[in-house]
PDB file of N, CA and C in Angstrom:
ATOM      1  N   ASP A   1     -14.389  -6.198 -14.623  1.00  0.00           N
ATOM      2  CA  ASP A   1     -13.523  -5.800 -13.517  1.00  0.00           C
ATOM      3  C   ASP A   1     -12.171  -5.396 -14.081  1.00  0.00           C
ATOM      4  N   ILE A   2     -11.382  -4.762 -13.267  1.00  0.00           N
ATOM      5  CA  ILE A   2     -10.032  -4.372 -13.688  1.00  0.00           C
ATOM      6  C   ILE A   2      -9.046  -5.488 -13.353  1.00  0.00           C
ATOM      7  N   ASP A   3      -7.858  -5.384 -13.880  1.00  0.00           N
ATOM      8  CA  ASP A   3      -6.784  -6.328 -13.575  1.00  0.00           C
ATOM      9  C   ASP A   3      -6.133  -5.883 -12.265  1.00  0.00           C
ATOM     10  N   ASN A   4      -6.749  -6.253 -11.154  1.00  0.00           N
ATOM     11  CA  ASN A   4      -6.258  -5.831  -9.840  1.00  0.00           C
ATOM     12  C   ASN A   4      -4.825  -6.273  -9.592  1.00  0.00           C
ATOM     13  N   GLU A   5      -4.529  -7.511  -9.935  1.00  0.00           N
ATOM     14  CA  GLU A   5      -3.175  -8.027  -9.718  1.00  0.00           C
ATOM     15  C   GLU A   5      -2.154  -7.245 -10.534  1.00  0.00           C
ATOM     16  N   GLY A   6      -2.433  -7.068 -11.820  1.00  0.00           N
ATOM     17  CA  GLY A   6      -1.504  -6.355 -12.689  1.00  0.00           C
ATOM     18  C   GLY A   6      -1.352  -4.888 -12.323  1.00  0.00           C
ATOM     19  N   ALA A   7      -2.457  -4.251 -11.951  1.00  0.00           N
ATOM     20  CA  ALA A   7      -2.402  -2.828 -11.594  1.00  0.00           C
ATOM     21  C   ALA A   7      -1.513  -2.594 -10.381  1.00  0.00           C
ATOM     22  N   VAL A   8      -1.672  -3.412  -9.359  1.00  0.00           N
ATOM     23  CA  VAL A   8      -0.865  -3.232  -8.144  1.00  0.00           C
ATOM     24  C   VAL A   8       0.581  -3.658  -8.396  1.00  0.00           C
ATOM     25  N   ARG A   9       0.774  -4.688  -9.217  1.00  0.00           N
ATOM     26  CA  ARG A   9       2.144  -5.086  -9.562  1.00  0.00           C
ATOM     27  C   ARG A   9       2.853  -3.933 -10.273  1.00  0.00           C
ATOM     28  N   ARG A  10       2.169  -3.297 -11.228  1.00  0.00           N
ATOM     29  CA  ARG A  10       2.779  -2.175 -11.963  1.00  0.00           C
ATOM     30  C   ARG A  10       3.023  -0.975 -11.056  1.00  0.00           C
ATOM     31  N   ALA A  11       2.074  -0.666 -10.192  1.00  0.00           N
ATOM     32  CA  ALA A  11       2.242   0.475  -9.277  1.00  0.00           C
ATOM     33  C   ALA A  11       3.419   0.244  -8.339  1.00  0.00           C
ATOM     34  N   THR A  12       3.501  -0.959  -7.787  1.00  0.00           N
ATOM     35  CA  THR A  12       4.591  -1.286  -6.866  1.00  0.00           C
ATOM     36  C   THR A  12       5.930  -1.284  -7.601  1.00  0.00           C
ATOM     37  N   SER A  13       5.953  -1.853  -8.800  1.00  0.00           N
ATOM     38  CA  SER A  13       7.187  -1.861  -9.602  1.00  0.00           C
ATOM     39  C   SER A  13       7.630  -0.443  -9.941  1.00  0.00           C
ATOM     40  N   HIS A  14       6.681   0.423 -10.232  1.00  0.00           N
ATOM     41  CA  HIS A  14       7.016   1.826 -10.526  1.00  0.00           C
ATOM     42  C   HIS A  14       7.687   2.486  -9.321  1.00  0.00           C
ATOM     43  N   LEU A  15       7.153   2.236  -8.133  1.00  0.00           N
ATOM     44  CA  LEU A  15       7.758   2.797  -6.921  1.00  0.00           C
ATOM     45  C   LEU A  15       9.162   2.234  -6.693  1.00  0.00           C
ATOM     46  N   ILE A  16       9.345   0.961  -6.992  1.00  0.00           N
ATOM     47  CA  ILE A  16      10.683   0.354  -6.880  1.00  0.00           C
ATOM     48  C   ILE A  16      11.628   1.021  -7.884  1.00  0.00           C
ATOM     49  N   ASP A  17      11.129   1.254  -9.101  1.00  0.00           N
ATOM     50  CA  ASP A  17      11.947   1.933 -10.118  1.00  0.00           C
ATOM     51  C   ASP A  17      12.364   3.326  -9.662  1.00  0.00           C
ATOM     52  N   LEU A  18      11.540   3.954  -8.836  1.00  0.00           N
ATOM     53  CA  LEU A  18      11.868   5.286  -8.307  1.00  0.00           C
ATOM     54  C   LEU A  18      12.837   5.225  -7.130  1.00  0.00           C
ATOM     55  N   GLY A  19      13.195   4.009  -6.698  1.00  0.00           N
ATOM     56  CA  GLY A  19      14.176   3.852  -5.633  1.00  0.00           C
ATOM     57  C   GLY A  19      13.616   3.428  -4.288  1.00  0.00           C
ATOM     58  N   HIS A  20      12.319   3.236  -4.196  1.00  0.00           N
ATOM     59  CA  HIS A  20      11.713   2.832  -2.923  1.00  0.00           C
ATOM     60  C   HIS A  20      11.901   1.330  -2.691  1.00  0.00           C
ATOM     61  N   THR A  21      12.210   0.977  -1.461  1.00  0.00           N
ATOM     62  CA  THR A  21      12.300  -0.440  -1.087  1.00  0.00           C
ATOM     63  C   THR A  21      11.403  -0.763   0.102  1.00  0.00           C
ATOM     64  N   ARG A  22      10.967   0.256   0.840  1.00  0.00           N
ATOM     65  CA  ARG A  22      10.017   0.062   1.952  1.00  0.00           C
ATOM     66  C   ARG A  22       8.671   0.620   1.498  1.00  0.00           C
ATOM     67  N   ILE A  23       7.938  -0.238   0.829  1.00  0.00           N
ATOM     68  CA  ILE A  23       6.666   0.157   0.229  1.00  0.00           C
ATOM     69  C   ILE A  23       5.531  -0.508   0.992  1.00  0.00           C
ATOM     70  N   ALA A  24       4.653   0.311   1.529  1.00  0.00           N
ATOM     71  CA  ALA A  24       3.485  -0.211   2.242  1.00  0.00           C
ATOM     72  C   ALA A  24       2.331  -0.373   1.269  1.00  0.00           C
ATOM     73  N   MET A  25       1.376  -1.220   1.649  1.00  0.00           N
ATOM     74  CA  MET A  25       0.154  -1.346   0.864  1.00  0.00           C
ATOM     75  C   MET A  25      -1.043  -1.324   1.789  1.00  0.00           C
ATOM     76  N   ILE A  26      -1.991  -0.454   1.458  1.00  0.00           N
ATOM     77  CA  ILE A  26      -3.270  -0.417   2.160  1.00  0.00           C
ATOM     78  C   ILE A  26      -4.275  -1.049   1.202  1.00  0.00           C
ATOM     79  N   ASN A  27      -4.709  -2.245   1.546  1.00  0.00           N
ATOM     80  CA  ASN A  27      -5.547  -3.060   0.682  1.00  0.00           C
ATOM     81  C   ASN A  27      -6.991  -3.032   1.162  1.00  0.00           C
ATOM     82  N   GLY A  28      -7.859  -3.690   0.410  1.00  0.00           N
ATOM     83  CA  GLY A  28      -9.272  -3.774   0.760  1.00  0.00           C
ATOM     84  C   GLY A  28      -9.552  -4.840   1.801  1.00  0.00           C
ATOM     85  N   ARG A  29     -10.828  -5.148   1.934  1.00  0.00           N
ATOM     86  CA  ARG A  29     -11.269  -6.110   2.946  1.00  0.00           C
ATOM     87  C   ARG A  29     -10.571  -7.453   2.784  1.00  0.00           C
ATOM     88  N   PRO A  30     -10.034  -7.997   3.874  1.00  0.00           N
ATOM     89  CA  PRO A  30      -9.380  -9.314   3.816  1.00  0.00           C
ATOM     90  C   PRO A  30     -10.350 -10.369   3.292  1.00  0.00           C
ATOM     91  N   GLY A  31      -9.865 -11.197   2.381  1.00  0.00           N
ATOM     92  CA  GLY A  31     -10.672 -12.278   1.839  1.00  0.00           C
ATOM     93  C   GLY A  31     -11.436 -11.923   0.577  1.00  0.00           C
ATOM     94  N   ALA A  32     -11.611 -10.644   0.283  1.00  0.00           N
ATOM     95  CA  ALA A  32     -12.302 -10.249  -0.947  1.00  0.00           C
ATOM     96  C   ALA A  32     -11.421 -10.610  -2.139  1.00  0.00           C
ATOM     97  N   THR A  33     -12.027 -11.100  -3.208  1.00  0.00           N
ATOM     98  CA  THR A  33     -11.263 -11.551  -4.374  1.00  0.00           C
ATOM     99  C   THR A  33     -10.335 -10.467  -4.900  1.00  0.00           C
ATOM    100  N   TYR A  34     -10.848  -9.254  -5.055  1.00  0.00           N
ATOM    101  CA  TYR A  34     -10.005  -8.171  -5.576  1.00  0.00           C
ATOM    102  C   TYR A  34      -8.822  -7.904  -4.649  1.00  0.00           C
ATOM    103  N   ALA A  35      -9.033  -8.008  -3.332  1.00  0.00           N
ATOM    104  CA  ALA A  35      -7.953  -7.764  -2.376  1.00  0.00           C
ATOM    105  C   ALA A  35      -6.904  -8.868  -2.460  1.00  0.00           C
ATOM    106  N   LEU A  36      -7.337 -10.099  -2.648  1.00  0.00           N
ATOM    107  CA  LEU A  36      -6.393 -11.215  -2.806  1.00  0.00           C
ATOM    108  C   LEU A  36      -5.547 -11.012  -4.062  1.00  0.00           C
ATOM    109  N   HIS A  37      -6.173 -10.573  -5.148  1.00  0.00           N
ATOM    110  CA  HIS A  37      -5.435 -10.338  -6.391  1.00  0.00           C
ATOM    111  C   HIS A  37      -4.450  -9.180  -6.231  1.00  0.00           C
ATOM    112  N   ARG A  38      -4.875  -8.121  -5.549  1.00  0.00           N
ATOM    113  CA  ARG A  38      -3.977  -6.983  -5.333  1.00  0.00           C
ATOM    114  C   ARG A  38      -2.796  -7.385  -4.455  1.00  0.00           C
ATOM    115  N   ASP A  39      -3.061  -8.166  -3.430  1.00  0.00           N
ATOM    116  CA  ASP A  39      -1.991  -8.647  -2.560  1.00  0.00           C
ATOM    117  C   ASP A  39      -0.978  -9.468  -3.355  1.00  0.00           C
ATOM    118  N   LYS A  40      -1.483 -10.306  -4.239  1.00  0.00           N
ATOM    119  CA  LYS A  40      -0.588 -11.131  -5.059  1.00  0.00           C
ATOM    120  C   LYS A  40       0.299 -10.255  -5.937  1.00  0.00           C
ATOM    121  N   GLY A  41      -0.285  -9.218  -6.564  1.00  0.00           N
ATOM    122  CA  GLY A  41       0.509  -8.325  -7.403  1.00  0.00           C
ATOM    123  C   GLY A  41       1.580  -7.587  -6.624  1.00  0.00           C
ATOM    124  N   TYR A  42       1.227  -7.140  -5.429  1.00  0.00           N
ATOM    125  CA  TYR A  42       2.170  -6.439  -4.543  1.00  0.00           C
ATOM    126  C   TYR A  42       3.334  -7.356  -4.180  1.00  0.00           C
ATOM    127  N   ARG A  43       3.000  -8.554  -3.722  1.00  0.00           N
ATOM    128  CA  ARG A  43       4.032  -9.508  -3.312  1.00  0.00           C
ATOM    129  C   ARG A  43       4.932  -9.915  -4.481  1.00  0.00           C
ATOM    130  N   GLU A  44       4.326 -10.137  -5.638  1.00  0.00           N
ATOM    131  CA  GLU A  44       5.120 -10.531  -6.807  1.00  0.00           C
ATOM    132  C   GLU A  44       6.083  -9.427  -7.241  1.00  0.00           C
ATOM    133  N   ALA A  45       5.631  -8.183  -7.174  1.00  0.00           N
ATOM    134  CA  ALA A  45       6.513  -7.067  -7.553  1.00  0.00           C
ATOM    135  C   ALA A  45       7.718  -6.998  -6.620  1.00  0.00           C
ATOM    136  N   LEU A  46       7.471  -7.124  -5.327  1.00  0.00           N
ATOM    137  CA  LEU A  46       8.581  -7.097  -4.369  1.00  0.00           C
ATOM    138  C   LEU A  46       9.523  -8.267  -4.601  1.00  0.00           C
ATOM    139  N   GLN A  47       8.956  -9.470  -4.706  1.00  0.00           N
ATOM    140  CA  GLN A  47       9.767 -10.674  -4.852  1.00  0.00           C
ATOM    141  C   GLN A  47      10.600 -10.635  -6.133  1.00  0.00           C
ATOM    142  N   SER A  48      10.007 -10.152  -7.220  1.00  0.00           N
ATOM    143  CA  SER A  48      10.728 -10.141  -8.498  1.00  0.00           C
ATOM    144  C   SER A  48      11.935  -9.208  -8.473  1.00  0.00           C
ATOM    145  N   ARG A  49      11.959  -8.273  -7.516  1.00  0.00           N
ATOM    146  CA  ARG A  49      13.070  -7.339  -7.397  1.00  0.00           C
ATOM    147  C   ARG A  49      13.952  -7.638  -6.191  1.00  0.00           C
ATOM    148  N   GLY A  50      13.710  -8.779  -5.541  1.00  0.00           N
ATOM    149  CA  GLY A  50      14.544  -9.193  -4.420  1.00  0.00           C
ATOM    150  C   GLY A  50      14.309  -8.410  -3.144  1.00  0.00           C
ATOM    151  N   ILE A  51      13.111  -7.843  -2.985  1.00  0.00           N
ATOM    152  CA  ILE A  51      12.783  -7.081  -1.780  1.00  0.00           C
ATOM    153  C   ILE A  51      11.965  -7.972  -0.855  1.00  0.00           C
ATOM    154  N   GLU A  52      12.452  -8.121   0.361  1.00  0.00           N
ATOM    155  CA  GLU A  52      11.777  -8.974   1.336  1.00  0.00           C
ATOM    156  C   GLU A  52      10.472  -8.325   1.807  1.00  0.00           C
ATOM    157  N   LEU A  53       9.431  -9.128   1.851  1.00  0.00           N
ATOM    158  CA  LEU A  53       8.126  -8.656   2.309  1.00  0.00           C
ATOM    159  C   LEU A  53       8.172  -8.399   3.811  1.00  0.00           C
ATOM    160  N   ASP A  54       7.696  -7.232   4.222  1.00  0.00           N
ATOM    161  CA  ASP A  54       7.577  -6.897   5.635  1.00  0.00           C
ATOM    162  C   ASP A  54       6.087  -6.842   5.971  1.00  0.00           C
ATOM    163  N   PRO A  55       5.560  -7.839   6.688  1.00  0.00           N
ATOM    164  CA  PRO A  55       4.124  -7.866   7.001  1.00  0.00           C
ATOM    165  C   PRO A  55       3.641  -6.627   7.753  1.00  0.00           C
ATOM    166  N   GLN A  56       4.540  -5.912   8.421  1.00  0.00           N
ATOM    167  CA  GLN A  56       4.143  -4.704   9.142  1.00  0.00           C
ATOM    168  C   GLN A  56       3.844  -3.542   8.200  1.00  0.00           C
ATOM    169  N   LEU A  57       4.090  -3.734   6.910  1.00  0.00           N
ATOM    170  CA  LEU A  57       3.822  -2.689   5.927  1.00  0.00           C
ATOM    171  C   LEU A  57       2.528  -2.941   5.158  1.00  0.00           C
ATOM    172  N   ILE A  58       1.708  -3.867   5.645  1.00  0.00           N
ATOM    173  CA  ILE A  58       0.451  -4.199   4.983  1.00  0.00           C
ATOM    174  C   ILE A  58      -0.708  -3.937   5.935  1.00  0.00           C
ATOM    175  N   ALA A  59      -1.711  -3.230   5.434  1.00  0.00           N
ATOM    176  CA  ALA A  59      -2.930  -2.979   6.207  1.00  0.00           C
ATOM    177  C   ALA A  59      -4.120  -3.287   5.295  1.00  0.00           C
ATOM    178  N   SER A  60      -5.204  -3.772   5.880  1.00  0.00           N
ATOM    179  CA  SER A  60      -6.387  -4.132   5.102  1.00  0.00           C
ATOM    180  C   SER A  60      -7.648  -3.689   5.819  1.00  0.00           C
ATOM    181  N   GLY A  61      -8.624  -3.256   5.043  1.00  0.00           N
ATOM    182  CA  GLY A  61      -9.906  -2.850   5.604  1.00  0.00           C
ATOM    183  C   GLY A  61     -10.775  -2.216   4.539  1.00  0.00           C
ATOM    184  N   ASN A  62     -11.884  -1.647   4.949  1.00  0.00           N
ATOM    185  CA  ASN A  62     -12.781  -0.979   4.005  1.00  0.00           C
ATOM    186  C   ASN A  62     -12.101   0.237   3.404  1.00  0.00           C
ATOM    187  N   PHE A  63     -12.475   0.530   2.167  1.00  0.00           N
ATOM    188  CA  PHE A  63     -11.906   1.667   1.463  1.00  0.00           C
ATOM    189  C   PHE A  63     -12.608   2.955   1.888  1.00  0.00           C
ATOM    190  N   THR A  64     -12.080   3.574   2.944  1.00  0.00           N
ATOM    191  CA  THR A  64     -12.618   4.855   3.395  1.00  0.00           C
ATOM    192  C   THR A  64     -11.473   5.820   3.643  1.00  0.00           C
ATOM    193  N   ASP A  65     -11.804   7.091   3.584  1.00  0.00           N
ATOM    194  CA  ASP A  65     -10.828   8.135   3.892  1.00  0.00           C
ATOM    195  C   ASP A  65     -10.300   7.953   5.312  1.00  0.00           C
ATOM    196  N   GLU A  66     -11.192   7.690   6.251  1.00  0.00           N
ATOM    197  CA  GLU A  66     -10.791   7.586   7.654  1.00  0.00           C
ATOM    198  C   GLU A  66      -9.844   6.412   7.897  1.00  0.00           C
ATOM    199  N   LEU A  67     -10.154   5.247   7.336  1.00  0.00           N
ATOM    200  CA  LEU A  67      -9.244   4.108   7.518  1.00  0.00           C
ATOM    201  C   LEU A  67      -7.924   4.345   6.796  1.00  0.00           C
ATOM    202  N   GLY A  68      -7.967   4.963   5.623  1.00  0.00           N
ATOM    203  CA  GLY A  68      -6.725   5.307   4.927  1.00  0.00           C
ATOM    204  C   GLY A  68      -5.861   6.209   5.786  1.00  0.00           C
ATOM    205  N   PHE A  69      -6.492   7.185   6.438  1.00  0.00           N
ATOM    206  CA  PHE A  69      -5.780   8.095   7.326  1.00  0.00           C
ATOM    207  C   PHE A  69      -5.178   7.333   8.513  1.00  0.00           C
ATOM    208  N   ARG A  70      -5.987   6.521   9.181  1.00  0.00           N
ATOM    209  CA  ARG A  70      -5.501   5.782  10.359  1.00  0.00           C
ATOM    210  C   ARG A  70      -4.389   4.811  10.009  1.00  0.00           C
ATOM    211  N   PHE A  71      -4.598   4.050   8.928  1.00  0.00           N
ATOM    212  CA  PHE A  71      -3.567   3.092   8.519  1.00  0.00           C
ATOM    213  C   PHE A  71      -2.276   3.813   8.145  1.00  0.00           C
ATOM    214  N   ALA A  72      -2.388   4.881   7.365  1.00  0.00           N
ATOM    215  CA  ALA A  72      -1.189   5.610   6.936  1.00  0.00           C
ATOM    216  C   ALA A  72      -0.458   6.213   8.130  1.00  0.00           C
ATOM    217  N   ARG A  73      -1.187   6.816   9.059  1.00  0.00           N
ATOM    218  CA  ARG A  73      -0.545   7.373  10.255  1.00  0.00           C
ATOM    219  C   ARG A  73       0.209   6.284  11.004  1.00  0.00           C
ATOM    220  N   SER A  74      -0.442   5.154  11.196  1.00  0.00           N
ATOM    221  CA  SER A  74       0.188   4.044  11.911  1.00  0.00           C
ATOM    222  C   SER A  74       1.445   3.565  11.184  1.00  0.00           C
ATOM    223  N   LEU A  75       1.368   3.437   9.882  1.00  0.00           N
ATOM    224  CA  LEU A  75       2.522   3.003   9.095  1.00  0.00           C
ATOM    225  C   LEU A  75       3.649   4.025   9.157  1.00  0.00           C
ATOM    226  N   LEU A  76       3.314   5.286   9.007  1.00  0.00           N
ATOM    227  CA  LEU A  76       4.319   6.343   8.964  1.00  0.00           C
ATOM    228  C   LEU A  76       4.929   6.660  10.319  1.00  0.00           C
ATOM    229  N   GLU A  77       4.267   6.238  11.389  1.00  0.00           N
ATOM    230  CA  GLU A  77       4.808   6.466  12.733  1.00  0.00           C
ATOM    231  C   GLU A  77       5.647   5.296  13.230  1.00  0.00           C
ATOM    232  N   GLN A  78       5.837   4.265  12.416  1.00  0.00           N
ATOM    233  CA  GLN A  78       6.695   3.144  12.789  1.00  0.00           C
ATOM    234  C   GLN A  78       8.139   3.624  12.919  1.00  0.00           C
ATOM    235  N   ALA A  79       8.934   2.883  13.676  1.00  0.00           N
ATOM    236  CA  ALA A  79      10.345   3.229  13.838  1.00  0.00           C
ATOM    237  C   ALA A  79      11.073   3.251  12.491  1.00  0.00           C
ATOM    238  N   ASN A  80      10.696   2.343  11.597  1.00  0.00           N
ATOM    239  CA  ASN A  80      11.287   2.274  10.260  1.00  0.00           C
ATOM    240  C   ASN A  80      10.133   2.365   9.255  1.00  0.00           C
ATOM    241  N   PRO A  81       9.652   3.590   9.002  1.00  0.00           N
ATOM    242  CA  PRO A  81       8.442   3.760   8.197  1.00  0.00           C
ATOM    243  C   PRO A  81       8.666   3.478   6.709  1.00  0.00           C
ATOM    244  N   PRO A  82       7.584   3.255   5.998  1.00  0.00           N
ATOM    245  CA  PRO A  82       7.699   3.102   4.549  1.00  0.00           C
ATOM    246  C   PRO A  82       8.054   4.444   3.915  1.00  0.00           C
ATOM    247  N   THR A  83       8.650   4.370   2.740  1.00  0.00           N
ATOM    248  CA  THR A  83       8.952   5.592   1.987  1.00  0.00           C
ATOM    249  C   THR A  83       7.921   5.819   0.894  1.00  0.00           C
ATOM    250  N   ALA A  84       7.039   4.838   0.702  1.00  0.00           N
ATOM    251  CA  ALA A  84       5.965   4.952  -0.286  1.00  0.00           C
ATOM    252  C   ALA A  84       4.809   4.066   0.164  1.00  0.00           C
ATOM    253  N   ILE A  85       3.600   4.422  -0.288  1.00  0.00           N
ATOM    254  CA  ILE A  85       2.406   3.650   0.059  1.00  0.00           C
ATOM    255  C   ILE A  85       1.586   3.434  -1.202  1.00  0.00           C
ATOM    256  N   VAL A  86       1.201   2.188  -1.442  1.00  0.00           N
ATOM    257  CA  VAL A  86       0.258   1.857  -2.500  1.00  0.00           C
ATOM    258  C   VAL A  86      -1.120   1.861  -1.850  1.00  0.00           C
ATOM    259  N   ALA A  87      -1.978   2.758  -2.305  1.00  0.00           N
ATOM    260  CA  ALA A  87      -3.334   2.864  -1.760  1.00  0.00           C
ATOM    261  C   ALA A  87      -4.288   2.088  -2.666  1.00  0.00           C
ATOM    262  N   GLY A  88      -5.154   1.298  -2.050  1.00  0.00           N
ATOM    263  CA  GLY A  88      -6.050   0.439  -2.812  1.00  0.00           C
ATOM    264  C   GLY A  88      -7.222   1.127  -3.465  1.00  0.00           C
ATOM    265  N   SER A  89      -7.498   2.362  -3.108  1.00  0.00           N
ATOM    266  CA  SER A  89      -8.621   3.077  -3.714  1.00  0.00           C
ATOM    267  C   SER A  89      -8.389   4.580  -3.600  1.00  0.00           C
ATOM    268  N   MET A  90      -9.195   5.323  -4.332  1.00  0.00           N
ATOM    269  CA  MET A  90      -9.109   6.775  -4.272  1.00  0.00           C
ATOM    270  C   MET A  90      -9.464   7.278  -2.876  1.00  0.00           C
ATOM    271  N   MET A  91     -10.474   6.679  -2.253  1.00  0.00           N
ATOM    272  CA  MET A  91     -10.850   7.108  -0.901  1.00  0.00           C
ATOM    273  C   MET A  91      -9.710   6.846   0.078  1.00  0.00           C
ATOM    274  N   THR A  92      -9.080   5.694  -0.037  1.00  0.00           N
ATOM    275  CA  THR A  92      -7.943   5.385   0.818  1.00  0.00           C
ATOM    276  C   THR A  92      -6.816   6.383   0.574  1.00  0.00           C
ATOM    277  N   ALA A  93      -6.563   6.694  -0.693  1.00  0.00           N
ATOM    278  CA  ALA A  93      -5.499   7.646  -1.038  1.00  0.00           C
ATOM    279  C   ALA A  93      -5.748   9.015  -0.419  1.00  0.00           C
ATOM    280  N   LEU A  94      -7.005   9.440  -0.387  1.00  0.00           N
ATOM    281  CA  LEU A  94      -7.324  10.718   0.241  1.00  0.00           C
ATOM    282  C   LEU A  94      -6.929  10.706   1.718  1.00  0.00           C
ATOM    283  N   GLY A  95      -7.192   9.591   2.393  1.00  0.00           N
ATOM    284  CA  GLY A  95      -6.787   9.465   3.789  1.00  0.00           C
ATOM    285  C   GLY A  95      -5.278   9.445   3.941  1.00  0.00           C
ATOM    286  N   VAL A  96      -4.579   8.794   3.009  1.00  0.00           N
ATOM    287  CA  VAL A  96      -3.118   8.763   3.041  1.00  0.00           C
ATOM    288  C   VAL A  96      -2.562  10.176   2.893  1.00  0.00           C
ATOM    289  N   TYR A  97      -3.084  10.934   1.927  1.00  0.00           N
ATOM    290  CA  TYR A  97      -2.626  12.317   1.740  1.00  0.00           C
ATOM    291  C   TYR A  97      -2.830  13.134   3.013  1.00  0.00           C
ATOM    292  N   ARG A  98      -3.980  12.942   3.645  1.00  0.00           N
ATOM    293  CA  ARG A  98      -4.286  13.682   4.877  1.00  0.00           C
ATOM    294  C   ARG A  98      -3.284  13.317   5.984  1.00  0.00           C
ATOM    295  N   ALA A  99      -2.953  12.021   6.095  1.00  0.00           N
ATOM    296  CA  ALA A  99      -2.001  11.577   7.106  1.00  0.00           C
ATOM    297  C   ALA A  99      -0.612  12.145   6.839  1.00  0.00           C
ATOM    298  N   VAL A 100      -0.199  12.124   5.595  1.00  0.00           N
ATOM    299  CA  VAL A 100       1.116  12.653   5.229  1.00  0.00           C
ATOM    300  C   VAL A 100       1.201  14.134   5.592  1.00  0.00           C
ATOM    301  N   ARG A 101       0.160  14.892   5.242  1.00  0.00           N
ATOM    302  CA  ARG A 101       0.145  16.321   5.573  1.00  0.00           C
ATOM    303  C   ARG A 101       0.143  16.548   7.083  1.00  0.00           C
ATOM    304  N   SER A 102      -0.605  15.734   7.820  1.00  0.00           N
ATOM    305  CA  SER A 102      -0.697  15.922   9.268  1.00  0.00           C
ATOM    306  C   SER A 102       0.637  15.678   9.965  1.00  0.00           C
ATOM    307  N   LEU A 103       1.503  14.898   9.316  1.00  0.00           N
ATOM    308  CA  LEU A 103       2.830  14.614   9.877  1.00  0.00           C
ATOM    309  C   LEU A 103       3.899  15.555   9.328  1.00  0.00           C
ATOM    310  N   GLY A 104       3.486  16.480   8.476  1.00  0.00           N
ATOM    311  CA  GLY A 104       4.439  17.445   7.915  1.00  0.00           C
ATOM    312  C   GLY A 104       5.378  16.849   6.887  1.00  0.00           C
ATOM    313  N   LEU A 105       4.972  15.783   6.251  1.00  0.00           N
ATOM    314  CA  LEU A 105       5.823  15.128   5.234  1.00  0.00           C
ATOM    315  C   LEU A 105       5.472  15.605   3.853  1.00  0.00           C
TER     316      LEU A 105
END
């Protein structure tokens, strides 16, 4: 398996290095070991940089294009949307890209 915790920690830290502080994460199925590890990496990256966790910026479900699209649209339509999204899989990322384009971002 891959280092899910480390991969998401590095991805989130990279986004913080780019200046993002409202970073959303679209994770896998709740309770799955890989999803728990990814969640830990995400939270640790935020905490280590003094960024408060916003539970409204976290979504979890199956890794599909459609759920990635729905989750991303919902996140991006919030009153205070994220400026970056960590996608848990390539399929999820495809849905995120589609949502971003559909909103003209």
